[in-house]
Structure formats: structure tokens, C-alpha cells
Amino acid sequence: MVPNITTMLSYKNYPKIPISSIKFNDPIIAWASNENSKNRFKSNETLWTLQCTDKYSNKIINLVKKNKKKYLSEIIKRFEDLMGYKRKNLTFKNIHGWKFAYNKKISKTKSYWNEKKKLGICADWLSGYKAENSWLNANNLFLKIKKSPQI
């Protein structure tokens, strides 16, 4: 399992850009998602979700709760250096991490169904690390349950 550190930022006084996401070749930030491009929010601010690299996330995952301000500041500085944004325009910031965020090793198991206990398990991390795996694995479990004779 691989940890993940994610940061959410909001800036004022920047024009909207026609980019949905940016991949970086950087030791701290792996990619940034421009949340304004999805038209989900009515905001005049520029909204970003940043995902840190696996290596950086692994390095700080056990430290981030105790040193939230330090690591948040480090990630913001790196993003601003990469993008040319200014801290004075920052209106919102938050950071969180998942110690067991996803699995880079793909398993053949998409779900588990115990007929006797009527207990099923599915998750995206069973067969991959993308959002699509959540749906695929849930559907796989649904089909197993549907075939179950006592349901």
C-alpha cells in the first residue's frame, strides 16, 4: 500500500486557465488538479487540489499530523514556485493524508464474497489505484451477490 498526501488550495485574483490538470516532474508534487475546470463550484477563486509524489508522501506520512503547518507550508511554497502564484493571494489551505491510500500492485481479486456469512468486501485498492477500480470492483461484488442462491 502507498500513502498519499493531498493539499487543497484557493487563490484570489488569478484568471481562470483552460487546463484540467498538470503533471509535474518534481520531488514533492506529482500533479495538480484545476478544480475550476470541472465547473462544479461557483467561485471566482482559483481552486487547486495537489497530490504529492509517492516518495514524498511516504517520507512525511507519519509526521504530517504533528507538523501540519510545516508540511503544508513546504508544499504550498513548492506549488507557488512551480506556478508563479503568490502567498498573499492564498485564501484557503488544507492538507490531509492517507497512510494506506492505494495499491500499485494490481491484484486479480476484485472483490470477496463469503456466501455463508453473507459478507462482501470490495475496494478500489484491490485491483488498482484509479477511481474506476472502485466501480469495477463494486460491480464485481454485486454480480457475485446476485448469483448467490439465498439472496
C-alpha atoms as a PDB file:
ATOM      1  CA  MET A   1       0.000   0.000   0.000  1.00  0.00           C
ATOM      2  CA  VAL A   2       1.164   3.507  -0.857  1.00  0.00           C
ATOM      3  CA  PRO A   3       0.454   6.619   1.242  1.00  0.00           C
ATOM      4  CA  ASN A   4      -0.913   9.831  -0.207  1.00  0.00           C
ATOM      5  CA  ILE A   5      -0.660  13.447   0.886  1.00  0.00           C
ATOM      6  CA  THR A   6      -3.213  15.803  -0.686  1.00  0.00           C
ATOM      7  CA  THR A   7      -3.418  19.566  -0.365  1.00  0.00           C
ATOM      8  CA  MET A   8      -6.326  21.844  -1.280  1.00  0.00           C
ATOM      9  CA  LEU A   9      -5.694  25.498  -2.082  1.00  0.00           C
ATOM     10  CA  SER A  10      -7.743  28.506  -3.116  1.00  0.00           C
ATOM     11  CA  TYR A  11      -6.317  31.723  -4.560  1.00  0.00           C
ATOM     12  CA  LYS A  12      -7.955  35.058  -5.332  1.00  0.00           C
ATOM     13  CA  ASN A  13      -7.118  37.424  -8.198  1.00  0.00           C
ATOM     14  CA  TYR A  14      -5.914  34.887 -10.753  1.00  0.00           C
ATOM     15  CA  PRO A  15      -7.546  34.356 -14.136  1.00  0.00           C
ATOM     16  CA  LYS A  16      -9.134  31.015 -14.897  1.00  0.00           C
ATOM     17  CA  ILE A  17      -6.939  28.798 -17.031  1.00  0.00           C
ATOM     18  CA  PRO A  18      -8.180  26.220 -19.558  1.00  0.00           C
ATOM     19  CA  ILE A  19      -6.263  23.309 -18.016  1.00  0.00           C
ATOM     20  CA  SER A  20      -7.841  20.483 -16.030  1.00  0.00           C
ATOM     21  CA  SER A  21      -4.639  19.077 -14.541  1.00  0.00           C
ATOM     22  CA  ILE A  22      -0.878  19.372 -14.626  1.00  0.00           C
ATOM     23  CA  LYS A  23       1.706  16.634 -14.079  1.00  0.00           C
ATOM     24  CA  PHE A  24       4.955  17.787 -12.569  1.00  0.00           C
ATOM     25  CA  ASN A  25       8.426  16.287 -12.705  1.00  0.00           C
ATOM     26  CA  ASP A  26       9.070  17.343  -9.130  1.00  0.00           C
ATOM     27  CA  PRO A  27      10.230  15.607  -5.938  1.00  0.00           C
ATOM     28  CA  ILE A  28       7.291  16.956  -3.873  1.00  0.00           C
ATOM     29  CA  ILE A  29       4.247  17.490  -6.112  1.00  0.00           C
ATOM     30  CA  ALA A  30       3.212  14.798  -8.589  1.00  0.00           C
ATOM     31  CA  TRP A  31       0.197  16.560 -10.097  1.00  0.00           C
ATOM     32  CA  ALA A  32      -2.283  19.371  -9.606  1.00  0.00           C
ATOM     33  CA  SER A  33      -5.958  19.382 -10.497  1.00  0.00           C
ATOM     34  CA  ASN A  34      -7.586  22.660 -11.508  1.00  0.00           C
ATOM     35  CA  GLU A  35     -10.961  22.289  -9.794  1.00  0.00           C
ATOM     36  CA  ASN A  36     -12.404  25.288 -11.668  1.00  0.00           C
ATOM     37  CA  SER A  37     -12.156  23.367 -14.949  1.00  0.00           C
ATOM     38  CA  LYS A  38     -14.845  20.941 -13.802  1.00  0.00           C
ATOM     39  CA  ASN A  39     -17.465  23.684 -13.294  1.00  0.00           C
ATOM     40  CA  ARG A  40     -18.606  22.055 -10.040  1.00  0.00           C
ATOM     41  CA  PHE A  41     -18.160  25.160  -7.927  1.00  0.00           C
ATOM     42  CA  LYS A  42     -19.425  28.699  -8.354  1.00  0.00           C
ATOM     43  CA  SER A  43     -16.319  30.529  -7.272  1.00  0.00           C
ATOM     44  CA  ASN A  44     -14.306  33.447  -8.553  1.00  0.00           C
ATOM     45  CA  GLU A  45     -11.260  31.984  -6.868  1.00  0.00           C
ATOM     46  CA  THR A  46      -8.773  29.586  -8.397  1.00  0.00           C
ATOM     47  CA  LEU A  47      -9.167  26.179  -6.734  1.00  0.00           C
ATOM     48  CA  TRP A  48      -6.439  23.529  -6.771  1.00  0.00           C
ATOM     49  CA  THR A  49      -6.061  20.005  -5.445  1.00  0.00           C
ATOM     50  CA  LEU A  50      -2.447  18.864  -5.231  1.00  0.00           C
ATOM     51  CA  GLN A  51      -1.252  15.313  -4.886  1.00  0.00           C
ATOM     52  CA  CYS A  52       2.244  14.720  -3.608  1.00  0.00           C
ATOM     53  CA  THR A  53       4.643  12.169  -5.017  1.00  0.00           C
ATOM     54  CA  ASP A  54       4.706   8.666  -3.588  1.00  0.00           C
ATOM     55  CA  LYS A  55       8.240   9.176  -2.300  1.00  0.00           C
ATOM     56  CA  TYR A  56       7.441  12.463  -0.547  1.00  0.00           C
ATOM     57  CA  SER A  57       4.160  11.117   0.847  1.00  0.00           C
ATOM     58  CA  ASN A  58       5.945   8.063   2.225  1.00  0.00           C
ATOM     59  CA  LYS A  59       8.598  10.284   3.795  1.00  0.00           C
ATOM     60  CA  ILE A  60       6.158  12.519   5.724  1.00  0.00           C
ATOM     61  CA  ILE A  61       3.020  10.392   6.255  1.00  0.00           C
ATOM     62  CA  ASN A  62       3.859   9.666   9.904  1.00  0.00           C
ATOM     63  CA  LEU A  63       4.934  13.258  10.573  1.00  0.00           C
ATOM     64  CA  VAL A  64       2.228  15.334   8.921  1.00  0.00           C
ATOM     65  CA  LYS A  65      -0.315  15.276  11.775  1.00  0.00           C
ATOM     66  CA  LYS A  66       2.213  16.585  14.304  1.00  0.00           C
ATOM     67  CA  ASN A  67       3.738  19.096  11.873  1.00  0.00           C
ATOM     68  CA  LYS A  68       0.776  20.054   9.707  1.00  0.00           C
ATOM     69  CA  LYS A  69       1.776  23.725   9.326  1.00  0.00           C
ATOM     70  CA  LYS A  70       5.361  22.866   8.372  1.00  0.00           C
ATOM     71  CA  TYR A  71       4.473  20.423   5.610  1.00  0.00           C
ATOM     72  CA  LEU A  72       1.543  22.452   4.335  1.00  0.00           C
ATOM     73  CA  SER A  73       3.857  25.464   4.032  1.00  0.00           C
ATOM     74  CA  GLU A  74       6.503  23.381   2.253  1.00  0.00           C
ATOM     75  CA  ILE A  75       4.002  22.051  -0.303  1.00  0.00           C
ATOM     76  CA  ILE A  76       2.450  25.488  -0.886  1.00  0.00           C
ATOM     77  CA  LYS A  77       5.868  27.067  -1.424  1.00  0.00           C
ATOM     78  CA  ARG A  78       6.763  24.381  -3.946  1.00  0.00           C
ATOM     79  CA  PHE A  79       3.462  24.833  -5.814  1.00  0.00           C
ATOM     80  CA  GLU A  80       3.870  28.601  -5.894  1.00  0.00           C
ATOM     81  CA  ASP A  81       7.429  28.245  -7.179  1.00  0.00           C
ATOM     82  CA  LEU A  82       6.187  25.936  -9.942  1.00  0.00           C
ATOM     83  CA  MET A  83       3.149  28.044 -10.893  1.00  0.00           C
ATOM     84  CA  GLY A  84       4.205  31.614 -10.080  1.00  0.00           C
ATOM     85  CA  TYR A  85       1.371  32.127  -7.571  1.00  0.00           C
ATOM     86  CA  LYS A  86       1.812  34.432  -4.582  1.00  0.00           C
ATOM     87  CA  ARG A  87       1.103  33.516  -0.957  1.00  0.00           C
ATOM     88  CA  LYS A  88      -0.622  36.866  -0.382  1.00  0.00           C
ATOM     89  CA  ASN A  89      -3.430  35.705  -2.715  1.00  0.00           C
ATOM     90  CA  LEU A  90      -3.985  32.427  -0.852  1.00  0.00           C
ATOM     91  CA  THR A  91      -7.438  32.352   0.783  1.00  0.00           C
ATOM     92  CA  PHE A  92      -7.770  28.704   1.817  1.00  0.00           C
ATOM     93  CA  LYS A  93      -5.394  25.843   2.522  1.00  0.00           C
ATOM     94  CA  ASN A  94      -5.737  22.360   3.939  1.00  0.00           C
ATOM     95  CA  ILE A  95      -3.739  19.162   3.947  1.00  0.00           C
ATOM     96  CA  HIS A  96      -4.578  15.579   4.714  1.00  0.00           C
ATOM     97  CA  GLY A  97      -3.057  12.195   4.198  1.00  0.00           C
ATOM     98  CA  TRP A  98      -3.961   8.561   3.899  1.00  0.00           C
ATOM     99  CA  LYS A  99      -1.395   6.069   5.137  1.00  0.00           C
ATOM    100  CA  PHE A 100      -2.897   3.287   3.023  1.00  0.00           C
ATOM    101  CA  ALA A 101      -4.251   5.228   0.038  1.00  0.00           C
ATOM    102  CA  TYR A 102      -3.826   2.851  -2.848  1.00  0.00           C
ATOM    103  CA  ASN A 103      -2.141  -0.243  -4.124  1.00  0.00           C
ATOM    104  CA  LYS A 104       0.269  -0.011  -7.034  1.00  0.00           C
ATOM    105  CA  LYS A 105       0.352  -3.778  -7.395  1.00  0.00           C
ATOM    106  CA  ILE A 106      -2.675  -4.950  -9.300  1.00  0.00           C
ATOM    107  CA  SER A 107      -4.402  -7.986  -7.885  1.00  0.00           C
ATOM    108  CA  LYS A 108      -6.596 -10.415  -9.793  1.00  0.00           C
ATOM    109  CA  THR A 109      -9.061 -10.232  -6.884  1.00  0.00           C
ATOM    110  CA  LYS A 110     -11.675  -7.559  -7.486  1.00  0.00           C
ATOM    111  CA  SER A 111     -13.936  -8.443  -4.575  1.00  0.00           C
ATOM    112  CA  TYR A 112     -14.552 -11.076  -1.937  1.00  0.00           C
ATOM    113  CA  TRP A 113     -17.931 -12.654  -1.183  1.00  0.00           C
ATOM    114  CA  ASN A 114     -18.464 -15.065   1.717  1.00  0.00           C
ATOM    115  CA  GLU A 115     -21.698 -16.905   0.926  1.00  0.00           C
ATOM    116  CA  LYS A 116     -22.043 -18.428   4.390  1.00  0.00           C
ATOM    117  CA  LYS A 117     -21.660 -15.155   6.309  1.00  0.00           C
ATOM    118  CA  LYS A 118     -23.312 -13.012   3.624  1.00  0.00           C
ATOM    119  CA  LEU A 119     -20.326 -10.705   3.863  1.00  0.00           C
ATOM    120  CA  GLY A 120     -18.702  -8.947   0.940  1.00  0.00           C
ATOM    121  CA  ILE A 121     -15.664  -6.739   0.561  1.00  0.00           C
ATOM    122  CA  CYS A 122     -14.683  -4.523  -2.323  1.00  0.00           C
ATOM    123  CA  ALA A 123     -12.437  -1.505  -2.707  1.00  0.00           C
ATOM    124  CA  ASP A 124     -10.557   0.300  -5.423  1.00  0.00           C
ATOM    125  CA  TRP A 125      -7.210  -0.753  -3.982  1.00  0.00           C
ATOM    126  CA  LEU A 126      -7.908  -4.460  -4.537  1.00  0.00           C
ATOM    127  CA  SER A 127      -7.330  -4.294  -8.280  1.00  0.00           C
ATOM    128  CA  GLY A 128      -5.756  -0.925  -8.911  1.00  0.00           C
ATOM    129  CA  TYR A 129      -5.338   2.630  -7.836  1.00  0.00           C
ATOM    130  CA  LYS A 130      -7.757   4.574 -10.005  1.00  0.00           C
ATOM    131  CA  ALA A 131     -11.285   5.742  -9.256  1.00  0.00           C
ATOM    132  CA  GLU A 132     -12.631   3.418 -11.946  1.00  0.00           C
ATOM    133  CA  ASN A 133     -11.457   0.460  -9.888  1.00  0.00           C
ATOM    134  CA  SER A 134     -13.994   1.373  -7.192  1.00  0.00           C
ATOM    135  CA  TRP A 135     -16.875   0.967  -9.601  1.00  0.00           C
ATOM    136  CA  LEU A 136     -15.462  -2.118 -11.313  1.00  0.00           C
ATOM    137  CA  ASN A 137     -14.861  -3.882  -8.013  1.00  0.00           C
ATOM    138  CA  ALA A 138     -18.257  -2.918  -6.592  1.00  0.00           C
ATOM    139  CA  ASN A 139     -19.910  -4.230  -9.746  1.00  0.00           C
ATOM    140  CA  ASN A 140     -17.901  -7.428  -9.449  1.00  0.00           C
ATOM    141  CA  LEU A 141     -19.187  -7.924  -5.893  1.00  0.00           C
ATOM    142  CA  PHE A 142     -22.746  -7.116  -6.981  1.00  0.00           C
ATOM    143  CA  LEU A 143     -22.599  -9.865  -9.611  1.00  0.00           C
ATOM    144  CA  LYS A 144     -21.333 -12.370  -7.027  1.00  0.00           C
ATOM    145  CA  ILE A 145     -24.137 -11.453  -4.627  1.00  0.00           C
ATOM    146  CA  LYS A 146     -26.706 -11.621  -7.419  1.00  0.00           C
ATOM    147  CA  LYS A 147     -25.627 -15.200  -8.241  1.00  0.00           C
ATOM    148  CA  SER A 148     -25.913 -16.145  -4.590  1.00  0.00           C
ATOM    149  CA  PRO A 149     -28.788 -18.663  -4.167  1.00  0.00           C
ATOM    150  CA  GLN A 150     -30.063 -17.403  -0.820  1.00  0.00           C
ATOM    151  CA  ILE A 151     -30.254 -13.684  -1.577  1.00  0.00           C
END
